[in-house]
Structure formats: structure tokens, C-alpha cells
Amino acid sequence: MTKNEGTIDRALRVIVGLVLLSLVFIGPQTMWGLIGIVPLATGLIGNCPLYSILGINTCSMKS
């Protein structure tokens, strides 16, 4: 699987994913916080399916 996310993009996705997941435990405590799994997973993997469809690549190196 090729990476299509740069370092800053990946870091922001992981941070946003963790913040959204924290909403399950603190804050409003709703299950909507589970949506944070998506940016967390794509940030950890380094590949975004939507970026692939749209032809976007924020990664500086081709792998």
C-alpha cells in the first residue's frame, strides 16, 4: 500500500482522532466520538482512501 499522507498530515489526523475518541469517555460521552477511529487509523497507516480517489498526495517521497 502506497503512502499518500505527509508527516504533518498524519500527525494532525492522529491528534484529531484521539480528541474525537476522548469524547466517548469525557465531555458529552456520546458514541459519536467513535468517528475518531477513521482519522486515527488513516494517520497511523499513512494512506487515505479518499486521497487516492481524488488523486491527492501530501507525502513528499514516493513509496
PDB file of N, CA and C in Angstrom:
ATOM      1  N   MET A   1       0.856  -1.165   0.000  1.00  0.00           N
ATOM      2  CA  MET A   1       0.000   0.000   0.000  1.00  0.00           C
ATOM      3  C   MET A   1       0.909   1.238   0.000  1.00  0.00           C
ATOM      4  N   THR A   2       0.661   2.150  -0.925  1.00  0.00           N
ATOM      5  CA  THR A   2       1.482   3.347  -1.003  1.00  0.00           C
ATOM      6  C   THR A   2       0.987   4.406  -0.019  1.00  0.00           C
ATOM      7  N   LYS A   3       1.916   5.159   0.492  1.00  0.00           N
ATOM      8  CA  LYS A   3       1.573   6.229   1.420  1.00  0.00           C
ATOM      9  C   LYS A   3       1.229   7.478   0.616  1.00  0.00           C
ATOM     10  N   ASN A   4       0.163   8.161   1.001  1.00  0.00           N
ATOM     11  CA  ASN A   4      -0.220   9.387   0.323  1.00  0.00           C
ATOM     12  C   ASN A   4      -0.467  10.532   1.301  1.00  0.00           C
ATOM     13  N   GLU A   5       0.082  10.395   2.515  1.00  0.00           N
ATOM     14  CA  GLU A   5      -0.049  11.432   3.539  1.00  0.00           C
ATOM     15  C   GLU A   5       1.334  11.830   4.032  1.00  0.00           C
ATOM     16  N   GLY A   6       1.555  13.131   4.131  1.00  0.00           N
ATOM     17  CA  GLY A   6       2.810  13.642   4.652  1.00  0.00           C
ATOM     18  C   GLY A   6       2.854  13.569   6.173  1.00  0.00           C
ATOM     19  N   THR A   7       3.987  13.938   6.728  1.00  0.00           N
ATOM     20  CA  THR A   7       4.203  13.849   8.171  1.00  0.00           C
ATOM     21  C   THR A   7       3.246  14.749   8.949  1.00  0.00           C
ATOM     22  N   ILE A   8       3.105  15.996   8.511  1.00  0.00           N
ATOM     23  CA  ILE A   8       2.218  16.922   9.215  1.00  0.00           C
ATOM     24  C   ILE A   8       0.769  16.457   9.110  1.00  0.00           C
ATOM     25  N   ASP A   9       0.377  16.000   7.935  1.00  0.00           N
ATOM     26  CA  ASP A   9      -0.981  15.498   7.718  1.00  0.00           C
ATOM     27  C   ASP A   9      -1.266  14.321   8.642  1.00  0.00           C
ATOM     28  N   ARG A  10      -0.317  13.404   8.741  1.00  0.00           N
ATOM     29  CA  ARG A  10      -0.502  12.233   9.589  1.00  0.00           C
ATOM     30  C   ARG A  10      -0.601  12.620  11.057  1.00  0.00           C
ATOM     31  N   ALA A  11       0.258  13.548  11.500  1.00  0.00           N
ATOM     32  CA  ALA A  11       0.242  13.977  12.897  1.00  0.00           C
ATOM     33  C   ALA A  11      -1.085  14.643  13.247  1.00  0.00           C
ATOM     34  N   LEU A  12      -1.574  15.494  12.362  1.00  0.00           N
ATOM     35  CA  LEU A  12      -2.855  16.158  12.611  1.00  0.00           C
ATOM     36  C   LEU A  12      -4.003  15.154  12.672  1.00  0.00           C
ATOM     37  N   ARG A  13      -3.971  14.157  11.804  1.00  0.00           N
ATOM     38  CA  ARG A  13      -5.022  13.132  11.809  1.00  0.00           C
ATOM     39  C   ARG A  13      -5.016  12.341  13.119  1.00  0.00           C
ATOM     40  N   VAL A  14      -3.833  11.997  13.606  1.00  0.00           N
ATOM     41  CA  VAL A  14      -3.737  11.238  14.854  1.00  0.00           C
ATOM     42  C   VAL A  14      -4.254  12.083  16.020  1.00  0.00           C
ATOM     43  N   ILE A  15      -3.880  13.356  16.051  1.00  0.00           N
ATOM     44  CA  ILE A  15      -4.333  14.238  17.126  1.00  0.00           C
ATOM     45  C   ILE A  15      -5.850  14.394  17.093  1.00  0.00           C
ATOM     46  N   VAL A  16      -6.404  14.664  15.905  1.00  0.00           N
ATOM     47  CA  VAL A  16      -7.859  14.824  15.773  1.00  0.00           C
ATOM     48  C   VAL A  16      -8.569  13.527  16.147  1.00  0.00           C
ATOM     49  N   GLY A  17      -8.027  12.397  15.714  1.00  0.00           N
ATOM     50  CA  GLY A  17      -8.631  11.108  16.051  1.00  0.00           C
ATOM     51  C   GLY A  17      -8.656  10.857  17.545  1.00  0.00           C
ATOM     52  N   LEU A  18      -7.564  11.176  18.233  1.00  0.00           N
ATOM     53  CA  LEU A  18      -7.516  10.980  19.682  1.00  0.00           C
ATOM     54  C   LEU A  18      -8.468  11.923  20.408  1.00  0.00           C
ATOM     55  N   VAL A  19      -8.563  13.156  19.929  1.00  0.00           N
ATOM     56  CA  VAL A  19      -9.500  14.106  20.553  1.00  0.00           C
ATOM     57  C   VAL A  19     -10.936  13.618  20.388  1.00  0.00           C
ATOM     58  N   LEU A  20     -11.284  13.172  19.194  1.00  0.00           N
ATOM     59  CA  LEU A  20     -12.646  12.681  18.970  1.00  0.00           C
ATOM     60  C   LEU A  20     -12.936  11.431  19.788  1.00  0.00           C
ATOM     61  N   LEU A  21     -11.964  10.534  19.882  1.00  0.00           N
ATOM     62  CA  LEU A  21     -12.157   9.330  20.696  1.00  0.00           C
ATOM     63  C   LEU A  21     -12.305   9.667  22.170  1.00  0.00           C
ATOM     64  N   SER A  22     -11.648  10.721  22.619  1.00  0.00           N
ATOM     65  CA  SER A  22     -11.774  11.094  24.024  1.00  0.00           C
ATOM     66  C   SER A  22     -13.188  11.549  24.366  1.00  0.00           C
ATOM     67  N   LEU A  23     -13.953  11.965  23.356  1.00  0.00           N
ATOM     68  CA  LEU A  23     -15.329  12.383  23.600  1.00  0.00           C
ATOM     69  C   LEU A  23     -16.211  11.221  24.062  1.00  0.00           C
ATOM     70  N   VAL A  24     -15.784  10.003  23.791  1.00  0.00           N
ATOM     71  CA  VAL A  24     -16.545   8.839  24.248  1.00  0.00           C
ATOM     72  C   VAL A  24     -16.444   8.718  25.768  1.00  0.00           C
ATOM     73  N   PHE A  25     -15.311   9.125  26.336  1.00  0.00           N
ATOM     74  CA  PHE A  25     -15.056   8.939  27.759  1.00  0.00           C
ATOM     75  C   PHE A  25     -15.272  10.202  28.587  1.00  0.00           C
ATOM     76  N   ILE A  26     -14.968  11.367  27.999  1.00  0.00           N
ATOM     77  CA  ILE A  26     -15.159  12.634  28.703  1.00  0.00           C
ATOM     78  C   ILE A  26     -15.994  13.547  27.821  1.00  0.00           C
ATOM     79  N   GLY A  27     -16.462  14.612  28.360  1.00  0.00           N
ATOM     80  CA  GLY A  27     -17.276  15.529  27.560  1.00  0.00           C
ATOM     81  C   GLY A  27     -18.709  15.026  27.475  1.00  0.00           C
ATOM     82  N   PRO A  28     -19.300  15.085  26.277  1.00  0.00           N
ATOM     83  CA  PRO A  28     -20.711  14.683  26.151  1.00  0.00           C
ATOM     84  C   PRO A  28     -20.940  13.178  26.293  1.00  0.00           C
ATOM     85  N   GLN A  29     -19.902  12.374  26.227  1.00  0.00           N
ATOM     86  CA  GLN A  29     -19.968  10.922  26.368  1.00  0.00           C
ATOM     87  C   GLN A  29     -20.997  10.288  25.430  1.00  0.00           C
ATOM     88  N   THR A  30     -20.897  10.629  24.155  1.00  0.00           N
ATOM     89  CA  THR A  30     -21.752  10.008  23.147  1.00  0.00           C
ATOM     90  C   THR A  30     -20.917   9.092  22.275  1.00  0.00           C
ATOM     91  N   MET A  31     -21.568   8.217  21.578  1.00  0.00           N
ATOM     92  CA  MET A  31     -20.880   7.281  20.700  1.00  0.00           C
ATOM     93  C   MET A  31     -20.391   7.950  19.412  1.00  0.00           C
ATOM     94  N   TRP A  32     -20.773   9.205  19.181  1.00  0.00           N
ATOM     95  CA  TRP A  32     -20.292   9.927  18.002  1.00  0.00           C
ATOM     96  C   TRP A  32     -18.778  10.089  18.039  1.00  0.00           C
ATOM     97  N   GLY A  33     -18.185   9.991  19.192  1.00  0.00           N
ATOM     98  CA  GLY A  33     -16.736  10.095  19.313  1.00  0.00           C
ATOM     99  C   GLY A  33     -16.001   8.962  18.629  1.00  0.00           C
ATOM    100  N   LEU A  34     -16.707   7.854  18.377  1.00  0.00           N
ATOM    101  CA  LEU A  34     -16.074   6.721  17.696  1.00  0.00           C
ATOM    102  C   LEU A  34     -15.699   7.046  16.256  1.00  0.00           C
ATOM    103  N   ILE A  35     -16.232   8.126  15.708  1.00  0.00           N
ATOM    104  CA  ILE A  35     -15.849   8.552  14.361  1.00  0.00           C
ATOM    105  C   ILE A  35     -14.356   8.890  14.326  1.00  0.00           C
ATOM    106  N   GLY A  36     -13.764   9.119  15.492  1.00  0.00           N
ATOM    107  CA  GLY A  36     -12.338   9.401  15.594  1.00  0.00           C
ATOM    108  C   GLY A  36     -11.460   8.228  15.189  1.00  0.00           C
ATOM    109  N   ILE A  37     -12.034   7.045  15.078  1.00  0.00           N
ATOM    110  CA  ILE A  37     -11.269   5.877  14.637  1.00  0.00           C
ATOM    111  C   ILE A  37     -10.780   6.073  13.205  1.00  0.00           C
ATOM    112  N   VAL A  38     -11.574   6.735  12.379  1.00  0.00           N
ATOM    113  CA  VAL A  38     -11.220   6.915  10.967  1.00  0.00           C
ATOM    114  C   VAL A  38      -9.952   7.762  10.804  1.00  0.00           C
ATOM    115  N   PRO A  39      -9.907   9.005  11.332  1.00  0.00           N
ATOM    116  CA  PRO A  39      -8.665   9.764  11.151  1.00  0.00           C
ATOM    117  C   PRO A  39      -7.480   9.148  11.897  1.00  0.00           C
ATOM    118  N   LEU A  40      -7.732   8.498  13.026  1.00  0.00           N
ATOM    119  CA  LEU A  40      -6.650   7.853  13.756  1.00  0.00           C
ATOM    120  C   LEU A  40      -6.046   6.723  12.930  1.00  0.00           C
ATOM    121  N   ALA A  41      -6.885   5.885  12.358  1.00  0.00           N
ATOM    122  CA  ALA A  41      -6.395   4.757  11.550  1.00  0.00           C
ATOM    123  C   ALA A  41      -5.670   5.232  10.299  1.00  0.00           C
ATOM    124  N   THR A  42      -6.248   6.205   9.591  1.00  0.00           N
ATOM    125  CA  THR A  42      -5.592   6.680   8.367  1.00  0.00           C
ATOM    126  C   THR A  42      -4.286   7.389   8.696  1.00  0.00           C
ATOM    127  N   GLY A  43      -4.223   8.068   9.841  1.00  0.00           N
ATOM    128  CA  GLY A  43      -2.986   8.714  10.239  1.00  0.00           C
ATOM    129  C   GLY A  43      -1.904   7.713  10.603  1.00  0.00           C
ATOM    130  N   LEU A  44      -2.277   6.634  11.252  1.00  0.00           N
ATOM    131  CA  LEU A  44      -1.294   5.622  11.630  1.00  0.00           C
ATOM    132  C   LEU A  44      -0.836   4.808  10.424  1.00  0.00           C
ATOM    133  N   ILE A  45      -1.740   4.530   9.504  1.00  0.00           N
ATOM    134  CA  ILE A  45      -1.399   3.748   8.312  1.00  0.00           C
ATOM    135  C   ILE A  45      -0.635   4.593   7.301  1.00  0.00           C
ATOM    136  N   GLY A  46      -1.036   5.863   7.157  1.00  0.00           N
ATOM    137  CA  GLY A  46      -0.376   6.746   6.198  1.00  0.00           C
ATOM    138  C   GLY A  46      -1.022   6.745   4.832  1.00  0.00           C
ATOM    139  N   ASN A  47      -2.174   6.117   4.719  1.00  0.00           N
ATOM    140  CA  ASN A  47      -2.873   6.061   3.443  1.00  0.00           C
ATOM    141  C   ASN A  47      -4.337   6.434   3.652  1.00  0.00           C
ATOM    142  N   CYS A  48      -4.804   7.407   2.886  1.00  0.00           N
ATOM    143  CA  CYS A  48      -6.194   7.831   2.960  1.00  0.00           C
ATOM    144  C   CYS A  48      -6.908   7.406   1.678  1.00  0.00           C
ATOM    145  N   PRO A  49      -7.943   6.573   1.771  1.00  0.00           N
ATOM    146  CA  PRO A  49      -8.655   6.142   0.577  1.00  0.00           C
ATOM    147  C   PRO A  49      -9.272   7.304  -0.209  1.00  0.00           C
ATOM    148  N   LEU A  50      -9.756   8.316   0.477  1.00  0.00           N
ATOM    149  CA  LEU A  50     -10.341   9.466  -0.206  1.00  0.00           C
ATOM    150  C   LEU A  50      -9.272  10.223  -0.998  1.00  0.00           C
ATOM    151  N   TYR A  51      -8.071  10.343  -0.439  1.00  0.00           N
ATOM    152  CA  TYR A  51      -6.966  10.976  -1.165  1.00  0.00           C
ATOM    153  C   TYR A  51      -6.656  10.186  -2.437  1.00  0.00           C
ATOM    154  N   SER A  52      -6.707   8.868  -2.351  1.00  0.00           N
ATOM    155  CA  SER A  52      -6.441   8.034  -3.527  1.00  0.00           C
ATOM    156  C   SER A  52      -7.467   8.278  -4.628  1.00  0.00           C
ATOM    157  N   ILE A  53      -8.729   8.379  -4.239  1.00  0.00           N
ATOM    158  CA  ILE A  53      -9.800   8.609  -5.212  1.00  0.00           C
ATOM    159  C   ILE A  53      -9.646   9.973  -5.872  1.00  0.00           C
ATOM    160  N   LEU A  54      -9.315  10.985  -5.065  1.00  0.00           N
ATOM    161  CA  LEU A  54      -9.213  12.351  -5.574  1.00  0.00           C
ATOM    162  C   LEU A  54      -7.847  12.653  -6.190  1.00  0.00           C
ATOM    163  N   GLY A  55      -6.888  11.750  -6.057  1.00  0.00           N
ATOM    164  CA  GLY A  55      -5.560  11.954  -6.633  1.00  0.00           C
ATOM    165  C   GLY A  55      -4.703  12.921  -5.839  1.00  0.00           C
ATOM    166  N   ILE A  56      -4.969  13.061  -4.550  1.00  0.00           N
ATOM    167  CA  ILE A  56      -4.210  13.967  -3.698  1.00  0.00           C
ATOM    168  C   ILE A  56      -3.071  13.193  -3.048  1.00  0.00           C
ATOM    169  N   ASN A  57      -1.904  13.838  -2.962  1.00  0.00           N
ATOM    170  CA  ASN A  57      -0.753  13.218  -2.314  1.00  0.00           C
ATOM    171  C   ASN A  57       0.009  14.293  -1.557  1.00  0.00           C
ATOM    172  N   THR A  58       0.013  14.222  -0.228  1.00  0.00           N
ATOM    173  CA  THR A  58       0.737  15.192   0.585  1.00  0.00           C
ATOM    174  C   THR A  58       2.078  14.646   1.046  1.00  0.00           C
ATOM    175  N   CYS A  59       2.406  13.437   0.661  1.00  0.00           N
ATOM    176  CA  CYS A  59       3.664  12.814   1.029  1.00  0.00           C
ATOM    177  C   CYS A  59       4.771  13.350   0.127  1.00  0.00           C
ATOM    178  N   SER A  60       5.891  13.727   0.728  1.00  0.00           N
ATOM    179  CA  SER A  60       6.976  14.304  -0.068  1.00  0.00           C
ATOM    180  C   SER A  60       7.762  13.249  -0.836  1.00  0.00           C
ATOM    181  N   MET A  61       7.778  12.017  -0.340  1.00  0.00           N
ATOM    182  CA  MET A  61       8.503  10.960  -1.018  1.00  0.00           C
ATOM    183  C   MET A  61       7.532   9.972  -1.633  1.00  0.00           C
ATOM    184  N   LYS A  62       7.880   9.451  -2.790  1.00  0.00           N
ATOM    185  CA  LYS A  62       7.073   8.398  -3.416  1.00  0.00           C
ATOM    186  C   LYS A  62       7.550   7.067  -2.856  1.00  0.00           C
ATOM    187  N   SER A  63       6.581   6.270  -2.358  1.00  0.00           N
ATOM    188  CA  SER A  63       6.965   4.949  -1.841  1.00  0.00           C
ATOM    189  C   SER A  63       6.105   3.882  -2.443  1.00  0.00           C
TER     190      SER A  63
END
